[in-house]
Amino acid sequence: MSMARFKRNELPALTAEREEELRAMAGRPDSEIDYSDIPPLSDAMMADAVRGRFWRPVKAQTSVRIDADILEWLKAPGKGYQTRMNAILREAMLRERQHK
């Protein structure tokens, strides 16, 4: 089965038929939803569930001024210096929060 891929700004226009189908689904009460094909979830399965397991913080683009020697040190191992800088700052932030 192939998967159709679209860029956000190149999505095909909704047809009148598709719009009507979406309106009909939105107007349907939850009691009419068929859940028969969903496997049951036991309490044991839910005991292993982890909230936010796949959550990642939103990245913000910014500009910071740091000493040249620190930047050189961060870049020395190769690609990924911004990730290393973020990890160092996150560790410092978490350590500070623990001591408050």
PDB file of N, CA and C in Angstrom:
ATOM      1  N   MET A   1       0.849  -1.178   0.000  1.00  0.00           N
ATOM      2  CA  MET A   1       0.000   0.000   0.000  1.00  0.00           C
ATOM      3  C   MET A   1       0.892   1.237   0.000  1.00  0.00           C
ATOM      4  N   SER A   2       0.667   2.111  -0.935  1.00  0.00           N
ATOM      5  CA  SER A   2       1.476   3.325  -0.994  1.00  0.00           C
ATOM      6  C   SER A   2       0.839   4.426  -0.154  1.00  0.00           C
ATOM      7  N   MET A   3       1.656   5.361   0.251  1.00  0.00           N
ATOM      8  CA  MET A   3       1.177   6.453   1.088  1.00  0.00           C
ATOM      9  C   MET A   3       1.280   7.757   0.310  1.00  0.00           C
ATOM     10  N   ALA A   4       0.204   8.516   0.320  1.00  0.00           N
ATOM     11  CA  ALA A   4       0.220   9.828  -0.333  1.00  0.00           C
ATOM     12  C   ALA A   4       0.863  10.829   0.606  1.00  0.00           C
ATOM     13  N   ARG A   5       1.772  11.619   0.100  1.00  0.00           N
ATOM     14  CA  ARG A   5       2.440  12.635   0.912  1.00  0.00           C
ATOM     15  C   ARG A   5       2.168  13.999   0.295  1.00  0.00           C
ATOM     16  N   PHE A   6       1.812  14.942   1.146  1.00  0.00           N
ATOM     17  CA  PHE A   6       1.518  16.293   0.698  1.00  0.00           C
ATOM     18  C   PHE A   6       2.277  17.279   1.562  1.00  0.00           C
ATOM     19  N   LYS A   7       2.656  18.381   0.996  1.00  0.00           N
ATOM     20  CA  LYS A   7       3.190  19.489   1.774  1.00  0.00           C
ATOM     21  C   LYS A   7       1.996  20.319   2.224  1.00  0.00           C
ATOM     22  N   ARG A   8       2.137  20.937   3.382  1.00  0.00           N
ATOM     23  CA  ARG A   8       1.015  21.667   3.965  1.00  0.00           C
ATOM     24  C   ARG A   8       0.436  22.706   3.010  1.00  0.00           C
ATOM     25  N   ASN A   9       1.295  23.397   2.294  1.00  0.00           N
ATOM     26  CA  ASN A   9       0.803  24.451   1.399  1.00  0.00           C
ATOM     27  C   ASN A   9       0.378  23.909   0.036  1.00  0.00           C
ATOM     28  N   GLU A  10       0.441  22.583  -0.155  1.00  0.00           N
ATOM     29  CA  GLU A  10       0.054  21.993  -1.429  1.00  0.00           C
ATOM     30  C   GLU A  10      -1.057  20.961  -1.274  1.00  0.00           C
ATOM     31  N   LEU A  11      -1.855  21.073  -0.216  1.00  0.00           N
ATOM     32  CA  LEU A  11      -2.939  20.120  -0.007  1.00  0.00           C
ATOM     33  C   LEU A  11      -4.010  20.296  -1.075  1.00  0.00           C
ATOM     34  N   PRO A  12      -4.576  19.191  -1.555  1.00  0.00           N
ATOM     35  CA  PRO A  12      -5.653  19.324  -2.532  1.00  0.00           C
ATOM     36  C   PRO A  12      -6.894  19.922  -1.866  1.00  0.00           C
ATOM     37  N   ALA A  13      -7.678  20.636  -2.632  1.00  0.00           N
ATOM     38  CA  ALA A  13      -8.894  21.261  -2.096  1.00  0.00           C
ATOM     39  C   ALA A  13      -9.900  20.180  -1.709  1.00  0.00           C
ATOM     40  N   LEU A  14     -10.664  20.436  -0.640  1.00  0.00           N
ATOM     41  CA  LEU A  14     -11.707  19.498  -0.235  1.00  0.00           C
ATOM     42  C   LEU A  14     -12.836  19.530  -1.253  1.00  0.00           C
ATOM     43  N   THR A  15     -13.278  18.352  -1.626  1.00  0.00           N
ATOM     44  CA  THR A  15     -14.423  18.283  -2.531  1.00  0.00           C
ATOM     45  C   THR A  15     -15.690  18.477  -1.715  1.00  0.00           C
ATOM     46  N   ALA A  16     -16.778  18.808  -2.374  1.00  0.00           N
ATOM     47  CA  ALA A  16     -18.061  18.979  -1.688  1.00  0.00           C
ATOM     48  C   ALA A  16     -18.467  17.669  -1.019  1.00  0.00           C
ATOM     49  N   GLU A  17     -18.184  16.560  -1.689  1.00  0.00           N
ATOM     50  CA  GLU A  17     -18.514  15.245  -1.141  1.00  0.00           C
ATOM     51  C   GLU A  17     -17.738  14.986   0.156  1.00  0.00           C
ATOM     52  N   ARG A  18     -16.455  15.304   0.157  1.00  0.00           N
ATOM     53  CA  ARG A  18     -15.622  15.098   1.346  1.00  0.00           C
ATOM     54  C   ARG A  18     -16.046  16.031   2.478  1.00  0.00           C
ATOM     55  N   GLU A  19     -16.379  17.278   2.164  1.00  0.00           N
ATOM     56  CA  GLU A  19     -16.856  18.219   3.188  1.00  0.00           C
ATOM     57  C   GLU A  19     -18.130  17.701   3.838  1.00  0.00           C
ATOM     58  N   GLU A  20     -19.044  17.152   3.042  1.00  0.00           N
ATOM     59  CA  GLU A  20     -20.291  16.611   3.578  1.00  0.00           C
ATOM     60  C   GLU A  20     -20.001  15.410   4.480  1.00  0.00           C
ATOM     61  N   GLU A  21     -19.069  14.568   4.060  1.00  0.00           N
ATOM     62  CA  GLU A  21     -18.687  13.404   4.855  1.00  0.00           C
ATOM     63  C   GLU A  21     -18.103  13.838   6.203  1.00  0.00           C
ATOM     64  N   LEU A  22     -17.250  14.856   6.199  1.00  0.00           N
ATOM     65  CA  LEU A  22     -16.664  15.361   7.441  1.00  0.00           C
ATOM     66  C   LEU A  22     -17.717  15.984   8.347  1.00  0.00           C
ATOM     67  N   ARG A  23     -18.661  16.728   7.772  1.00  0.00           N
ATOM     68  CA  ARG A  23     -19.753  17.313   8.569  1.00  0.00           C
ATOM     69  C   ARG A  23     -20.598  16.216   9.213  1.00  0.00           C
ATOM     70  N   ALA A  24     -20.876  15.160   8.460  1.00  0.00           N
ATOM     71  CA  ALA A  24     -21.679  14.057   8.983  1.00  0.00           C
ATOM     72  C   ALA A  24     -20.960  13.369  10.145  1.00  0.00           C
ATOM     73  N   MET A  25     -19.660  13.150  10.005  1.00  0.00           N
ATOM     74  CA  MET A  25     -18.897  12.516  11.094  1.00  0.00           C
ATOM     75  C   MET A  25     -18.848  13.414  12.321  1.00  0.00           C
ATOM     76  N   ALA A  26     -18.666  14.705  12.127  1.00  0.00           N
ATOM     77  CA  ALA A  26     -18.589  15.637  13.258  1.00  0.00           C
ATOM     78  C   ALA A  26     -19.914  15.712  14.001  1.00  0.00           C
ATOM     79  N   GLY A  27     -21.024  15.528  13.295  1.00  0.00           N
ATOM     80  CA  GLY A  27     -22.339  15.615  13.913  1.00  0.00           C
ATOM     81  C   GLY A  27     -22.798  14.329  14.568  1.00  0.00           C
ATOM     82  N   ARG A  28     -22.043  13.270  14.410  1.00  0.00           N
ATOM     83  CA  ARG A  28     -22.405  11.975  14.972  1.00  0.00           C
ATOM     84  C   ARG A  28     -22.132  11.931  16.468  1.00  0.00           C
ATOM     85  N   PRO A  29     -23.055  11.425  17.278  1.00  0.00           N
ATOM     86  CA  PRO A  29     -22.778  11.303  18.713  1.00  0.00           C
ATOM     87  C   PRO A  29     -21.768  10.180  18.963  1.00  0.00           C
ATOM     88  N   ASP A  30     -21.007  10.290  20.034  1.00  0.00           N
ATOM     89  CA  ASP A  30     -19.999   9.281  20.365  1.00  0.00           C
ATOM     90  C   ASP A  30     -20.613   7.897  20.561  1.00  0.00           C
ATOM     91  N   SER A  31     -21.872   7.849  20.991  1.00  0.00           N
ATOM     92  CA  SER A  31     -22.529   6.560  21.232  1.00  0.00           C
ATOM     93  C   SER A  31     -22.682   5.740  19.949  1.00  0.00           C
ATOM     94  N   GLU A  32     -22.577   6.367  18.793  1.00  0.00           N
ATOM     95  CA  GLU A  32     -22.708   5.656  17.514  1.00  0.00           C
ATOM     96  C   GLU A  32     -21.367   5.169  16.962  1.00  0.00           C
ATOM     97  N   ILE A  33     -20.281   5.439  17.657  1.00  0.00           N
ATOM     98  CA  ILE A  33     -18.968   5.012  17.175  1.00  0.00           C
ATOM     99  C   ILE A  33     -18.785   3.528  17.462  1.00  0.00           C
ATOM    100  N   ASP A  34     -18.348   2.780  16.455  1.00  0.00           N
ATOM    101  CA  ASP A  34     -18.126   1.341  16.583  1.00  0.00           C
ATOM    102  C   ASP A  34     -16.702   1.102  17.083  1.00  0.00           C
ATOM    103  N   TYR A  35     -16.596   0.604  18.308  1.00  0.00           N
ATOM    104  CA  TYR A  35     -15.294   0.333  18.914  1.00  0.00           C
ATOM    105  C   TYR A  35     -14.936  -1.158  18.861  1.00  0.00           C
ATOM    106  N   SER A  36     -15.687  -1.955  18.118  1.00  0.00           N
ATOM    107  CA  SER A  36     -15.513  -3.409  18.141  1.00  0.00           C
ATOM    108  C   SER A  36     -14.149  -3.871  17.636  1.00  0.00           C
ATOM    109  N   ASP A  37     -13.479  -3.067  16.819  1.00  0.00           N
ATOM    110  CA  ASP A  37     -12.189  -3.500  16.276  1.00  0.00           C
ATOM    111  C   ASP A  37     -11.000  -3.028  17.117  1.00  0.00           C
ATOM    112  N   ILE A  38     -11.270  -2.394  18.254  1.00  0.00           N
ATOM    113  CA  ILE A  38     -10.198  -1.921  19.131  1.00  0.00           C
ATOM    114  C   ILE A  38      -9.923  -2.997  20.175  1.00  0.00           C
ATOM    115  N   PRO A  39      -8.670  -3.438  20.327  1.00  0.00           N
ATOM    116  CA  PRO A  39      -8.382  -4.468  21.332  1.00  0.00           C
ATOM    117  C   PRO A  39      -8.628  -3.928  22.738  1.00  0.00           C
ATOM    118  N   PRO A  40      -9.060  -4.787  23.648  1.00  0.00           N
ATOM    119  CA  PRO A  40      -9.318  -4.331  25.019  1.00  0.00           C
ATOM    120  C   PRO A  40      -8.018  -3.955  25.730  1.00  0.00           C
ATOM    121  N   LEU A  41      -8.115  -2.994  26.638  1.00  0.00           N
ATOM    122  CA  LEU A  41      -6.968  -2.573  27.449  1.00  0.00           C
ATOM    123  C   LEU A  41      -7.208  -3.027  28.883  1.00  0.00           C
ATOM    124  N   SER A  42      -6.269  -3.787  29.415  1.00  0.00           N
ATOM    125  CA  SER A  42      -6.405  -4.261  30.790  1.00  0.00           C
ATOM    126  C   SER A  42      -5.717  -3.286  31.743  1.00  0.00           C
ATOM    127  N   ASP A  43      -6.013  -3.423  33.026  1.00  0.00           N
ATOM    128  CA  ASP A  43      -5.349  -2.594  34.035  1.00  0.00           C
ATOM    129  C   ASP A  43      -3.845  -2.861  34.045  1.00  0.00           C
ATOM    130  N   ALA A  44      -3.453  -4.111  33.773  1.00  0.00           N
ATOM    131  CA  ALA A  44      -2.027  -4.453  33.738  1.00  0.00           C
ATOM    132  C   ALA A  44      -1.324  -3.722  32.597  1.00  0.00           C
ATOM    133  N   MET A  45      -1.996  -3.618  31.453  1.00  0.00           N
ATOM    134  CA  MET A  45      -1.407  -2.902  30.317  1.00  0.00           C
ATOM    135  C   MET A  45      -1.269  -1.418  30.642  1.00  0.00           C
ATOM    136  N   MET A  46      -2.264  -0.866  31.285  1.00  0.00           N
ATOM    137  CA  MET A  46      -2.244   0.561  31.611  1.00  0.00           C
ATOM    138  C   MET A  46      -1.245   0.874  32.723  1.00  0.00           C
ATOM    139  N   ALA A  47      -0.897  -0.121  33.537  1.00  0.00           N
ATOM    140  CA  ALA A  47       0.078   0.097  34.613  1.00  0.00           C
ATOM    141  C   ALA A  47       1.447   0.460  34.045  1.00  0.00           C
ATOM    142  N   ASP A  48       1.748  -0.025  32.842  1.00  0.00           N
ATOM    143  CA  ASP A  48       3.034   0.268  32.203  1.00  0.00           C
ATOM    144  C   ASP A  48       3.001   1.536  31.359  1.00  0.00           C
ATOM    145  N   ALA A  49       1.841   2.156  31.251  1.00  0.00           N
ATOM    146  CA  ALA A  49       1.719   3.360  30.419  1.00  0.00           C
ATOM    147  C   ALA A  49       2.526   4.502  31.033  1.00  0.00           C
ATOM    148  N   VAL A  50       3.149   5.281  30.183  1.00  0.00           N
ATOM    149  CA  VAL A  50       3.955   6.414  30.627  1.00  0.00           C
ATOM    150  C   VAL A  50       3.382   7.676  29.996  1.00  0.00           C
ATOM    151  N   ARG A  51       2.990   8.623  30.823  1.00  0.00           N
ATOM    152  CA  ARG A  51       2.425   9.864  30.314  1.00  0.00           C
ATOM    153  C   ARG A  51       3.516  10.705  29.656  1.00  0.00           C
ATOM    154  N   GLY A  52       3.223  11.188  28.472  1.00  0.00           N
ATOM    155  CA  GLY A  52       4.145  12.075  27.782  1.00  0.00           C
ATOM    156  C   GLY A  52       5.403  11.396  27.271  1.00  0.00           C
ATOM    157  N   ARG A  53       5.360  10.102  27.053  1.00  0.00           N
ATOM    158  CA  ARG A  53       6.552   9.353  26.645  1.00  0.00           C
ATOM    159  C   ARG A  53       7.156   9.885  25.352  1.00  0.00           C
ATOM    160  N   PHE A  54       6.321  10.286  24.427  1.00  0.00           N
ATOM    161  CA  PHE A  54       6.821  10.754  23.143  1.00  0.00           C
ATOM    162  C   PHE A  54       6.812  12.276  23.037  1.00  0.00           C
ATOM    163  N   TRP A  55       6.558  12.963  24.136  1.00  0.00           N
ATOM    164  CA  TRP A  55       6.534  14.423  24.138  1.00  0.00           C
ATOM    165  C   TRP A  55       7.953  14.955  24.037  1.00  0.00           C
ATOM    166  N   ARG A  56       8.108  15.985  23.234  1.00  0.00           N
ATOM    167  CA  ARG A  56       9.401  16.671  23.133  1.00  0.00           C
ATOM    168  C   ARG A  56       9.146  18.161  23.279  1.00  0.00           C
ATOM    169  N   PRO A  57      10.007  18.851  24.013  1.00  0.00           N
ATOM    170  CA  PRO A  57       9.811  20.293  24.163  1.00  0.00           C
ATOM    171  C   PRO A  57       9.889  20.992  22.808  1.00  0.00           C
ATOM    172  N   VAL A  58       9.135  22.050  22.689  1.00  0.00           N
ATOM    173  CA  VAL A  58       9.161  22.849  21.464  1.00  0.00           C
ATOM    174  C   VAL A  58      10.466  23.631  21.433  1.00  0.00           C
ATOM    175  N   LYS A  59      11.118  23.602  20.309  1.00  0.00           N
ATOM    176  CA  LYS A  59      12.371  24.346  20.158  1.00  0.00           C
ATOM    177  C   LYS A  59      12.055  25.788  19.777  1.00  0.00           C
ATOM    178  N   ALA A  60      12.795  26.713  20.341  1.00  0.00           N
ATOM    179  CA  ALA A  60      12.650  28.133  20.011  1.00  0.00           C
ATOM    180  C   ALA A  60      13.957  28.608  19.394  1.00  0.00           C
ATOM    181  N   GLN A  61      13.852  29.292  18.279  1.00  0.00           N
ATOM    182  CA  GLN A  61      15.056  29.822  17.644  1.00  0.00           C
ATOM    183  C   GLN A  61      15.394  31.155  18.293  1.00  0.00           C
ATOM    184  N   THR A  62      16.658  31.301  18.677  1.00  0.00           N
ATOM    185  CA  THR A  62      17.095  32.520  19.338  1.00  0.00           C
ATOM    186  C   THR A  62      18.550  32.791  18.974  1.00  0.00           C
ATOM    187  N   SER A  63      19.027  33.909  19.398  1.00  0.00           N
ATOM    188  CA  SER A  63      20.428  34.254  19.173  1.00  0.00           C
ATOM    189  C   SER A  63      21.038  34.568  20.530  1.00  0.00           C
ATOM    190  N   VAL A  64      22.151  33.916  20.831  1.00  0.00           N
ATOM    191  CA  VAL A  64      22.828  34.160  22.108  1.00  0.00           C
ATOM    192  C   VAL A  64      24.292  34.477  21.848  1.00  0.00           C
ATOM    193  N   ARG A  65      24.857  35.242  22.728  1.00  0.00           N
ATOM    194  CA  ARG A  65      26.277  35.568  22.622  1.00  0.00           C
ATOM    195  C   ARG A  65      27.007  34.785  23.707  1.00  0.00           C
ATOM    196  N   ILE A  66      27.928  33.940  23.254  1.00  0.00           N
ATOM    197  CA  ILE A  66      28.731  33.160  24.197  1.00  0.00           C
ATOM    198  C   ILE A  66      30.201  33.366  23.857  1.00  0.00           C
ATOM    199  N   ASP A  67      31.042  33.099  24.828  1.00  0.00           N
ATOM    200  CA  ASP A  67      32.481  33.270  24.628  1.00  0.00           C
ATOM    201  C   ASP A  67      32.966  32.358  23.501  1.00  0.00           C
ATOM    202  N   ALA A  68      33.916  32.855  22.721  1.00  0.00           N
ATOM    203  CA  ALA A  68      34.434  32.126  21.562  1.00  0.00           C
ATOM    204  C   ALA A  68      35.041  30.785  21.953  1.00  0.00           C
ATOM    205  N   ASP A  69      35.725  30.740  23.098  1.00  0.00           N
ATOM    206  CA  ASP A  69      36.348  29.480  23.501  1.00  0.00           C
ATOM    207  C   ASP A  69      35.312  28.428  23.877  1.00  0.00           C
ATOM    208  N   ILE A  70      34.187  28.857  24.425  1.00  0.00           N
ATOM    209  CA  ILE A  70      33.112  27.922  24.756  1.00  0.00           C
ATOM    210  C   ILE A  70      32.500  27.368  23.471  1.00  0.00           C
ATOM    211  N   LEU A  71      32.269  28.238  22.504  1.00  0.00           N
ATOM    212  CA  LEU A  71      31.724  27.793  21.224  1.00  0.00           C
ATOM    213  C   LEU A  71      32.680  26.818  20.538  1.00  0.00           C
ATOM    214  N   GLU A  72      33.956  27.119  20.580  1.00  0.00           N
ATOM    215  CA  GLU A  72      34.960  26.237  19.979  1.00  0.00           C
ATOM    216  C   GLU A  72      34.939  24.865  20.659  1.00  0.00           C
ATOM    217  N   TRP A  73      34.822  24.872  21.986  1.00  0.00           N
ATOM    218  CA  TRP A  73      34.759  23.629  22.752  1.00  0.00           C
ATOM    219  C   TRP A  73      33.518  22.818  22.382  1.00  0.00           C
ATOM    220  N   LEU A  74      32.359  23.499  22.239  1.00  0.00           N
ATOM    221  CA  LEU A  74      31.123  22.808  21.871  1.00  0.00           C
ATOM    222  C   LEU A  74      31.199  22.216  20.467  1.00  0.00           C
ATOM    223  N   LYS A  75      31.854  22.924  19.549  1.00  0.00           N
ATOM    224  CA  LYS A  75      31.939  22.473  18.160  1.00  0.00           C
ATOM    225  C   LYS A  75      33.038  21.434  17.930  1.00  0.00           C
ATOM    226  N   ALA A  76      33.989  21.319  18.846  1.00  0.00           N
ATOM    227  CA  ALA A  76      35.154  20.442  18.651  1.00  0.00           C
ATOM    228  C   ALA A  76      34.797  18.985  18.329  1.00  0.00           C
ATOM    229  N   PRO A  77      33.816  18.378  19.006  1.00  0.00           N
ATOM    230  CA  PRO A  77      33.507  16.970  18.694  1.00  0.00           C
ATOM    231  C   PRO A  77      32.848  16.762  17.324  1.00  0.00           C
ATOM    232  N   GLY A  78      32.418  17.815  16.677  1.00  0.00           N
ATOM    233  CA  GLY A  78      31.765  17.676  15.371  1.00  0.00           C
ATOM    234  C   GLY A  78      30.318  18.133  15.410  1.00  0.00           C
ATOM    235  N   LYS A  79      29.530  17.615  14.462  1.00  0.00           N
ATOM    236  CA  LYS A  79      28.133  18.029  14.349  1.00  0.00           C
ATOM    237  C   LYS A  79      27.381  17.847  15.664  1.00  0.00           C
ATOM    238  N   GLY A  80      26.374  18.689  15.871  1.00  0.00           N
ATOM    239  CA  GLY A  80      25.521  18.549  17.042  1.00  0.00           C
ATOM    240  C   GLY A  80      25.859  19.464  18.199  1.00  0.00           C
ATOM    241  N   TYR A  81      26.580  20.537  17.930  1.00  0.00           N
ATOM    242  CA  TYR A  81      26.974  21.407  19.050  1.00  0.00           C
ATOM    243  C   TYR A  81      25.765  22.068  19.699  1.00  0.00           C
ATOM    244  N   GLN A  82      24.724  22.378  18.925  1.00  0.00           N
ATOM    245  CA  GLN A  82      23.536  23.000  19.514  1.00  0.00           C
ATOM    246  C   GLN A  82      22.812  22.009  20.422  1.00  0.00           C
ATOM    247  N   THR A  83      22.788  20.758  20.023  1.00  0.00           N
ATOM    248  CA  THR A  83      22.182  19.719  20.855  1.00  0.00           C
ATOM    249  C   THR A  83      22.967  19.557  22.151  1.00  0.00           C
ATOM    250  N   ARG A  84      24.300  19.575  22.049  1.00  0.00           N
ATOM    251  CA  ARG A  84      25.132  19.483  23.256  1.00  0.00           C
ATOM    252  C   ARG A  84      24.893  20.676  24.173  1.00  0.00           C
ATOM    253  N   MET A  85      24.821  21.876  23.592  1.00  0.00           N
ATOM    254  CA  MET A  85      24.587  23.074  24.390  1.00  0.00           C
ATOM    255  C   MET A  85      23.232  22.973  25.088  1.00  0.00           C
ATOM    256  N   ASN A  86      22.217  22.500  24.372  1.00  0.00           N
ATOM    257  CA  ASN A  86      20.889  22.359  24.952  1.00  0.00           C
ATOM    258  C   ASN A  86      20.912  21.355  26.109  1.00  0.00           C
ATOM    259  N   ALA A  87      21.626  20.243  25.934  1.00  0.00           N
ATOM    260  CA  ALA A  87      21.712  19.226  26.987  1.00  0.00           C
ATOM    261  C   ALA A  87      22.396  19.782  28.234  1.00  0.00           C
ATOM    262  N   ILE A  88      23.456  20.547  28.046  1.00  0.00           N
ATOM    263  CA  ILE A  88      24.172  21.156  29.177  1.00  0.00           C
ATOM    264  C   ILE A  88      23.261  22.136  29.915  1.00  0.00           C
ATOM    265  N   LEU A  89      22.553  22.958  29.161  1.00  0.00           N
ATOM    266  CA  LEU A  89      21.649  23.935  29.780  1.00  0.00           C
ATOM    267  C   LEU A  89      20.478  23.244  30.474  1.00  0.00           C
ATOM    268  N   ARG A  90      19.944  22.180  29.865  1.00  0.00           N
ATOM    269  CA  ARG A  90      18.834  21.447  30.484  1.00  0.00           C
ATOM    270  C   ARG A  90      19.287  20.814  31.794  1.00  0.00           C
ATOM    271  N   GLU A  91      20.469  20.216  31.800  1.00  0.00           N
ATOM    272  CA  GLU A  91      21.002  19.603  33.019  1.00  0.00           C
ATOM    273  C   GLU A  91      21.157  20.650  34.120  1.00  0.00           C
ATOM    274  N   ALA A  92      21.676  21.822  33.778  1.00  0.00           N
ATOM    275  CA  ALA A  92      21.834  22.903  34.761  1.00  0.00           C
ATOM    276  C   ALA A  92      20.474  23.367  35.273  1.00  0.00           C
ATOM    277  N   MET A  93      19.491  23.483  34.374  1.00  0.00           N
ATOM    278  CA  MET A  93      18.153  23.916  34.765  1.00  0.00           C
ATOM    279  C   MET A  93      17.525  22.914  35.730  1.00  0.00           C
ATOM    280  N   LEU A  94      17.601  21.621  35.403  1.00  0.00           N
ATOM    281  CA  LEU A  94      17.004  20.597  36.257  1.00  0.00           C
ATOM    282  C   LEU A  94      17.694  20.525  37.610  1.00  0.00           C
ATOM    283  N   ARG A  95      19.015  20.664  37.612  1.00  0.00           N
ATOM    284  CA  ARG A  95      19.767  20.656  38.873  1.00  0.00           C
ATOM    285  C   ARG A  95      19.335  21.830  39.748  1.00  0.00           C
ATOM    286  N   GLU A  96      19.181  23.005  39.138  1.00  0.00           N
ATOM    287  CA  GLU A  96      18.758  24.190  39.894  1.00  0.00           C
ATOM    288  C   GLU A  96      17.348  24.018  40.436  1.00  0.00           C
ATOM    289  N   ARG A  97      16.460  23.438  39.644  1.00  0.00           N
ATOM    290  CA  ARG A  97      15.078  23.229  40.095  1.00  0.00           C
ATOM    291  C   ARG A  97      15.006  22.253  41.257  1.00  0.00           C
ATOM    292  N   GLN A  98      15.897  21.259  41.279  1.00  0.00           N
ATOM    293  CA  GLN A  98      15.903  20.285  42.371  1.00  0.00           C
ATOM    294  C   GLN A  98      16.307  20.926  43.688  1.00  0.00           C
ATOM    295  N   HIS A  99      17.164  21.926  43.634  1.00  0.00           N
ATOM    296  CA  HIS A  99      17.673  22.554  44.854  1.00  0.00           C
ATOM    297  C   HIS A  99      16.752  23.639  45.390  1.00  0.00           C
ATOM    298  N   LYS A 100      15.691  23.947  44.685  1.00  0.00           N
ATOM    299  CA  LYS A 100      14.764  24.990  45.168  1.00  0.00           C
ATOM    300  C   LYS A 100      13.713  24.412  46.060  1.00  0.00           C
TER     301      LYS A 100
END
